[in-house]
Amino acid sequence: MCVNHAPDGFRLDSARQSHPTDEDHDANEQLLAAAEGCPVEAITLTLAGSGEVVFPPEE
């Protein structure tokens, strides 16, 4: 699912598990869509300078 939403942000390994292509990737709409669409909520987006969590939103 991640690779479909953000093909430049994620890659699949031989076990078909998704991994980020770069830990410090610039945020964009594709990465946010991948995070929002992740069926196991395994993607966290943070601001590089402060570490503030952008996604998932605090409940």
PDB file of N, CA and C in Angstrom:
ATOM      1  N   MET A   1       0.830  -1.189   0.000  1.00  0.00           N
ATOM      2  CA  MET A   1       0.000   0.000   0.000  1.00  0.00           C
ATOM      3  C   MET A   1       0.876   1.254   0.000  1.00  0.00           C
ATOM      4  N   CYS A   2       1.938   1.259   0.832  1.00  0.00           N
ATOM      5  CA  CYS A   2       2.821   2.435   0.926  1.00  0.00           C
ATOM      6  C   CYS A   2       3.474   2.751  -0.410  1.00  0.00           C
ATOM      7  N   VAL A   3       3.961   1.720  -1.075  1.00  0.00           N
ATOM      8  CA  VAL A   3       4.661   1.907  -2.345  1.00  0.00           C
ATOM      9  C   VAL A   3       3.707   2.450  -3.402  1.00  0.00           C
ATOM     10  N   ASN A   4       2.451   2.051  -3.348  1.00  0.00           N
ATOM     11  CA  ASN A   4       1.469   2.560  -4.309  1.00  0.00           C
ATOM     12  C   ASN A   4       1.206   4.051  -4.105  1.00  0.00           C
ATOM     13  N   HIS A   5       1.119   4.484  -2.848  1.00  0.00           N
ATOM     14  CA  HIS A   5       0.847   5.897  -2.555  1.00  0.00           C
ATOM     15  C   HIS A   5       2.078   6.773  -2.752  1.00  0.00           C
ATOM     16  N   ALA A   6       3.247   6.268  -2.380  1.00  0.00           N
ATOM     17  CA  ALA A   6       4.475   7.070  -2.431  1.00  0.00           C
ATOM     18  C   ALA A   6       5.636   6.227  -2.954  1.00  0.00           C
ATOM     19  N   PRO A   7       5.664   5.948  -4.248  1.00  0.00           N
ATOM     20  CA  PRO A   7       6.696   5.071  -4.799  1.00  0.00           C
ATOM     21  C   PRO A   7       8.121   5.594  -4.614  1.00  0.00           C
ATOM     22  N   ASP A   8       8.297   6.908  -4.485  1.00  0.00           N
ATOM     23  CA  ASP A   8       9.633   7.448  -4.246  1.00  0.00           C
ATOM     24  C   ASP A   8      10.018   7.383  -2.768  1.00  0.00           C
ATOM     25  N   GLY A   9       9.044   7.156  -1.902  1.00  0.00           N
ATOM     26  CA  GLY A   9       9.295   7.168  -0.469  1.00  0.00           C
ATOM     27  C   GLY A   9       9.470   5.802   0.159  1.00  0.00           C
ATOM     28  N   PHE A  10       9.030   4.737  -0.551  1.00  0.00           N
ATOM     29  CA  PHE A  10       9.085   3.394   0.007  1.00  0.00           C
ATOM     30  C   PHE A  10       9.532   2.381  -1.031  1.00  0.00           C
ATOM     31  N   ARG A  11      10.118   1.297  -0.553  1.00  0.00           N
ATOM     32  CA  ARG A  11      10.516   0.190  -1.431  1.00  0.00           C
ATOM     33  C   ARG A  11      10.106  -1.115  -0.747  1.00  0.00           C
ATOM     34  N   LEU A  12       9.925  -2.156  -1.537  1.00  0.00           N
ATOM     35  CA  LEU A  12       9.602  -3.482  -1.002  1.00  0.00           C
ATOM     36  C   LEU A  12      10.854  -4.343  -0.983  1.00  0.00           C
ATOM     37  N   ASP A  13      11.020  -5.131   0.097  1.00  0.00           N
ATOM     38  CA  ASP A  13      12.141  -6.067   0.140  1.00  0.00           C
ATOM     39  C   ASP A  13      11.689  -7.408  -0.440  1.00  0.00           C
ATOM     40  N   SER A  14      12.548  -8.408  -0.389  1.00  0.00           N
ATOM     41  CA  SER A  14      12.223  -9.704  -0.991  1.00  0.00           C
ATOM     42  C   SER A  14      11.058 -10.401  -0.294  1.00  0.00           C
ATOM     43  N   ALA A  15      10.771 -10.023   0.948  1.00  0.00           N
ATOM     44  CA  ALA A  15       9.631 -10.580   1.681  1.00  0.00           C
ATOM     45  C   ALA A  15       8.372  -9.737   1.474  1.00  0.00           C
ATOM     46  N   ARG A  16       8.464  -8.742   0.563  1.00  0.00           N
ATOM     47  CA  ARG A  16       7.365  -7.837   0.237  1.00  0.00           C
ATOM     48  C   ARG A  16       6.951  -6.970   1.419  1.00  0.00           C
ATOM     49  N   GLN A  17       7.933  -6.645   2.279  1.00  0.00           N
ATOM     50  CA  GLN A  17       7.699  -5.708   3.369  1.00  0.00           C
ATOM     51  C   GLN A  17       8.220  -4.337   2.933  1.00  0.00           C
ATOM     52  N   SER A  18       7.507  -3.313   3.325  1.00  0.00           N
ATOM     53  CA  SER A  18       7.833  -1.960   2.912  1.00  0.00           C
ATOM     54  C   SER A  18       8.855  -1.325   3.846  1.00  0.00           C
ATOM     55  N   HIS A  19       9.771  -0.537   3.246  1.00  0.00           N
ATOM     56  CA  HIS A  19      10.791   0.194   3.994  1.00  0.00           C
ATOM     57  C   HIS A  19      10.931   1.581   3.377  1.00  0.00           C
ATOM     58  N   PRO A  20      11.199   2.604   4.195  1.00  0.00           N
ATOM     59  CA  PRO A  20      11.415   3.931   3.617  1.00  0.00           C
ATOM     60  C   PRO A  20      12.687   3.952   2.776  1.00  0.00           C
ATOM     61  N   THR A  21      12.659   4.707   1.697  1.00  0.00           N
ATOM     62  CA  THR A  21      13.853   4.838   0.859  1.00  0.00           C
ATOM     63  C   THR A  21      14.874   5.761   1.514  1.00  0.00           C
ATOM     64  N   ASP A  22      14.396   6.642   2.392  1.00  0.00           N
ATOM     65  CA  ASP A  22      15.269   7.593   3.077  1.00  0.00           C
ATOM     66  C   ASP A  22      14.591   7.994   4.386  1.00  0.00           C
ATOM     67  N   GLU A  23      15.286   7.856   5.496  1.00  0.00           N
ATOM     68  CA  GLU A  23      14.706   8.204   6.800  1.00  0.00           C
ATOM     69  C   GLU A  23      14.387   9.697   6.905  1.00  0.00           C
ATOM     70  N   ASP A  24      15.115  10.524   6.182  1.00  0.00           N
ATOM     71  CA  ASP A  24      14.935  11.978   6.246  1.00  0.00           C
ATOM     72  C   ASP A  24      14.352  12.518   4.952  1.00  0.00           C
ATOM     73  N   HIS A  25      13.284  11.921   4.506  1.00  0.00           N
ATOM     74  CA  HIS A  25      12.630  12.308   3.252  1.00  0.00           C
ATOM     75  C   HIS A  25      11.817  13.575   3.480  1.00  0.00           C
ATOM     76  N   ASP A  26      11.828  14.475   2.512  1.00  0.00           N
ATOM     77  CA  ASP A  26      11.001  15.673   2.606  1.00  0.00           C
ATOM     78  C   ASP A  26       9.535  15.284   2.555  1.00  0.00           C
ATOM     79  N   ALA A  27       8.740  15.928   3.397  1.00  0.00           N
ATOM     80  CA  ALA A  27       7.309  15.650   3.449  1.00  0.00           C
ATOM     81  C   ALA A  27       6.634  16.097   2.157  1.00  0.00           C
ATOM     82  N   ASN A  28       5.634  15.340   1.757  1.00  0.00           N
ATOM     83  CA  ASN A  28       4.823  15.715   0.612  1.00  0.00           C
ATOM     84  C   ASN A  28       3.471  15.016   0.734  1.00  0.00           C
ATOM     85  N   GLU A  29       2.575  15.340  -0.158  1.00  0.00           N
ATOM     86  CA  GLU A  29       1.219  14.777  -0.110  1.00  0.00           C
ATOM     87  C   GLU A  29       1.220  13.264  -0.271  1.00  0.00           C
ATOM     88  N   GLN A  30       2.153  12.736  -1.074  1.00  0.00           N
ATOM     89  CA  GLN A  30       2.219  11.286  -1.277  1.00  0.00           C
ATOM     90  C   GLN A  30       2.588  10.566   0.022  1.00  0.00           C
ATOM     91  N   LEU A  31       3.562  11.085   0.753  1.00  0.00           N
ATOM     92  CA  LEU A  31       3.950  10.443   2.017  1.00  0.00           C
ATOM     93  C   LEU A  31       2.823  10.521   3.041  1.00  0.00           C
ATOM     94  N   LEU A  32       2.123  11.653   3.098  1.00  0.00           N
ATOM     95  CA  LEU A  32       0.998  11.773   4.012  1.00  0.00           C
ATOM     96  C   LEU A  32      -0.105  10.791   3.629  1.00  0.00           C
ATOM     97  N   ALA A  33      -0.387  10.643   2.341  1.00  0.00           N
ATOM     98  CA  ALA A  33      -1.401   9.684   1.890  1.00  0.00           C
ATOM     99  C   ALA A  33      -1.000   8.260   2.255  1.00  0.00           C
ATOM    100  N   ALA A  34       0.291   7.941   2.128  1.00  0.00           N
ATOM    101  CA  ALA A  34       0.774   6.606   2.492  1.00  0.00           C
ATOM    102  C   ALA A  34       0.589   6.370   3.982  1.00  0.00           C
ATOM    103  N   ALA A  35       0.918   7.364   4.804  1.00  0.00           N
ATOM    104  CA  ALA A  35       0.758   7.226   6.253  1.00  0.00           C
ATOM    105  C   ALA A  35      -0.711   7.067   6.622  1.00  0.00           C
ATOM    106  N   GLU A  36      -1.559   7.879   6.046  1.00  0.00           N
ATOM    107  CA  GLU A  36      -2.988   7.816   6.345  1.00  0.00           C
ATOM    108  C   GLU A  36      -3.609   6.509   5.879  1.00  0.00           C
ATOM    109  N   GLY A  37      -3.095   5.939   4.787  1.00  0.00           N
ATOM    110  CA  GLY A  37      -3.666   4.721   4.217  1.00  0.00           C
ATOM    111  C   GLY A  37      -3.034   3.439   4.717  1.00  0.00           C
ATOM    112  N   CYS A  38      -2.034   3.542   5.582  1.00  0.00           N
ATOM    113  CA  CYS A  38      -1.345   2.343   6.067  1.00  0.00           C
ATOM    114  C   CYS A  38      -2.305   1.491   6.898  1.00  0.00           C
ATOM    115  N   PRO A  39      -2.559   0.249   6.488  1.00  0.00           N
ATOM    116  CA  PRO A  39      -3.548  -0.573   7.189  1.00  0.00           C
ATOM    117  C   PRO A  39      -3.110  -0.996   8.597  1.00  0.00           C
ATOM    118  N   VAL A  40      -1.835  -0.924   8.900  1.00  0.00           N
ATOM    119  CA  VAL A  40      -1.370  -1.316  10.245  1.00  0.00           C
ATOM    120  C   VAL A  40      -0.835  -0.112  11.023  1.00  0.00           C
ATOM    121  N   GLU A  41      -1.078   1.105  10.511  1.00  0.00           N
ATOM    122  CA  GLU A  41      -0.665   2.347  11.162  1.00  0.00           C
ATOM    123  C   GLU A  41       0.797   2.309  11.598  1.00  0.00           C
ATOM    124  N   ALA A  42       1.669   1.856  10.699  1.00  0.00           N
ATOM    125  CA  ALA A  42       3.080   1.685  11.017  1.00  0.00           C
ATOM    126  C   ALA A  42       3.937   2.876  10.608  1.00  0.00           C
ATOM    127  N   ILE A  43       3.342   3.904  10.021  1.00  0.00           N
ATOM    128  CA  ILE A  43       4.121   5.048   9.536  1.00  0.00           C
ATOM    129  C   ILE A  43       3.910   6.238  10.458  1.00  0.00           C
ATOM    130  N   THR A  44       5.011   6.791  10.936  1.00  0.00           N
ATOM    131  CA  THR A  44       4.976   8.003  11.729  1.00  0.00           C
ATOM    132  C   THR A  44       5.760   9.072  10.990  1.00  0.00           C
ATOM    133  N   LEU A  45       5.169  10.242  10.840  1.00  0.00           N
ATOM    134  CA  LEU A  45       5.847  11.369  10.213  1.00  0.00           C
ATOM    135  C   LEU A  45       6.184  12.385  11.298  1.00  0.00           C
ATOM    136  N   THR A  46       7.442  12.820  11.342  1.00  0.00           N
ATOM    137  CA  THR A  46       7.882  13.797  12.338  1.00  0.00           C
ATOM    138  C   THR A  46       8.630  14.930  11.656  1.00  0.00           C
ATOM    139  N   LEU A  47       8.653  16.084  12.317  1.00  0.00           N
ATOM    140  CA  LEU A  47       9.432  17.214  11.831  1.00  0.00           C
ATOM    141  C   LEU A  47      10.892  16.973  12.182  1.00  0.00           C
ATOM    142  N   ALA A  48      11.774  17.137  11.210  1.00  0.00           N
ATOM    143  CA  ALA A  48      13.191  16.834  11.397  1.00  0.00           C
ATOM    144  C   ALA A  48      13.833  17.695  12.481  1.00  0.00           C
ATOM    145  N   GLY A  49      13.533  18.948  12.537  1.00  0.00           N
ATOM    146  CA  GLY A  49      14.185  19.836  13.493  1.00  0.00           C
ATOM    147  C   GLY A  49      13.767  19.627  14.930  1.00  0.00           C
ATOM    148  N   SER A  50      12.464  19.419  15.137  1.00  0.00           N
ATOM    149  CA  SER A  50      11.950  19.343  16.499  1.00  0.00           C
ATOM    150  C   SER A  50      11.557  17.940  16.937  1.00  0.00           C
ATOM    151  N   GLY A  51      11.348  17.050  15.993  1.00  0.00           N
ATOM    152  CA  GLY A  51      10.868  15.713  16.332  1.00  0.00           C
ATOM    153  C   GLY A  51       9.376  15.677  16.614  1.00  0.00           C
ATOM    154  N   GLU A  52       8.695  16.807  16.406  1.00  0.00           N
ATOM    155  CA  GLU A  52       7.255  16.882  16.629  1.00  0.00           C
ATOM    156  C   GLU A  52       6.540  15.933  15.673  1.00  0.00           C
ATOM    157  N   VAL A  53       5.602  15.156  16.201  1.00  0.00           N
ATOM    158  CA  VAL A  53       4.854  14.201  15.391  1.00  0.00           C
ATOM    159  C   VAL A  53       3.816  14.942  14.558  1.00  0.00           C
ATOM    160  N   VAL A  54       3.870  14.710  13.237  1.00  0.00           N
ATOM    161  CA  VAL A  54       2.909  15.288  12.307  1.00  0.00           C
ATOM    162  C   VAL A  54       1.774  14.296  12.058  1.00  0.00           C
ATOM    163  N   PHE A  55       2.121  13.016  11.974  1.00  0.00           N
ATOM    164  CA  PHE A  55       1.134  11.948  11.784  1.00  0.00           C
ATOM    165  C   PHE A  55       1.637  10.715  12.477  1.00  0.00           C
ATOM    166  N   PRO A  56       0.829   9.977  13.180  1.00  0.00           N
ATOM    167  CA  PRO A  56      -0.615  10.153  13.365  1.00  0.00           C
ATOM    168  C   PRO A  56      -0.905  11.277  14.355  1.00  0.00           C
ATOM    169  N   PRO A  57      -2.078  11.879  14.215  1.00  0.00           N
ATOM    170  CA  PRO A  57      -2.424  12.970  15.134  1.00  0.00           C
ATOM    171  C   PRO A  57      -2.605  12.418  16.557  1.00  0.00           C
ATOM    172  N   GLU A  58      -2.278  13.258  17.519  1.00  0.00           N
ATOM    173  CA  GLU A  58      -2.496  12.859  18.911  1.00  0.00           C
ATOM    174  C   GLU A  58      -3.984  12.777  19.160  1.00  0.00           C
ATOM    175  N   GLU A  59      -4.359  11.793  19.935  1.00  0.00           N
ATOM    176  CA  GLU A  59      -5.801  11.623  20.219  1.00  0.00           C
ATOM    177  C   GLU A  59      -6.157  12.241  21.532  1.00  0.00           C
TER     178      GLU A  59
END
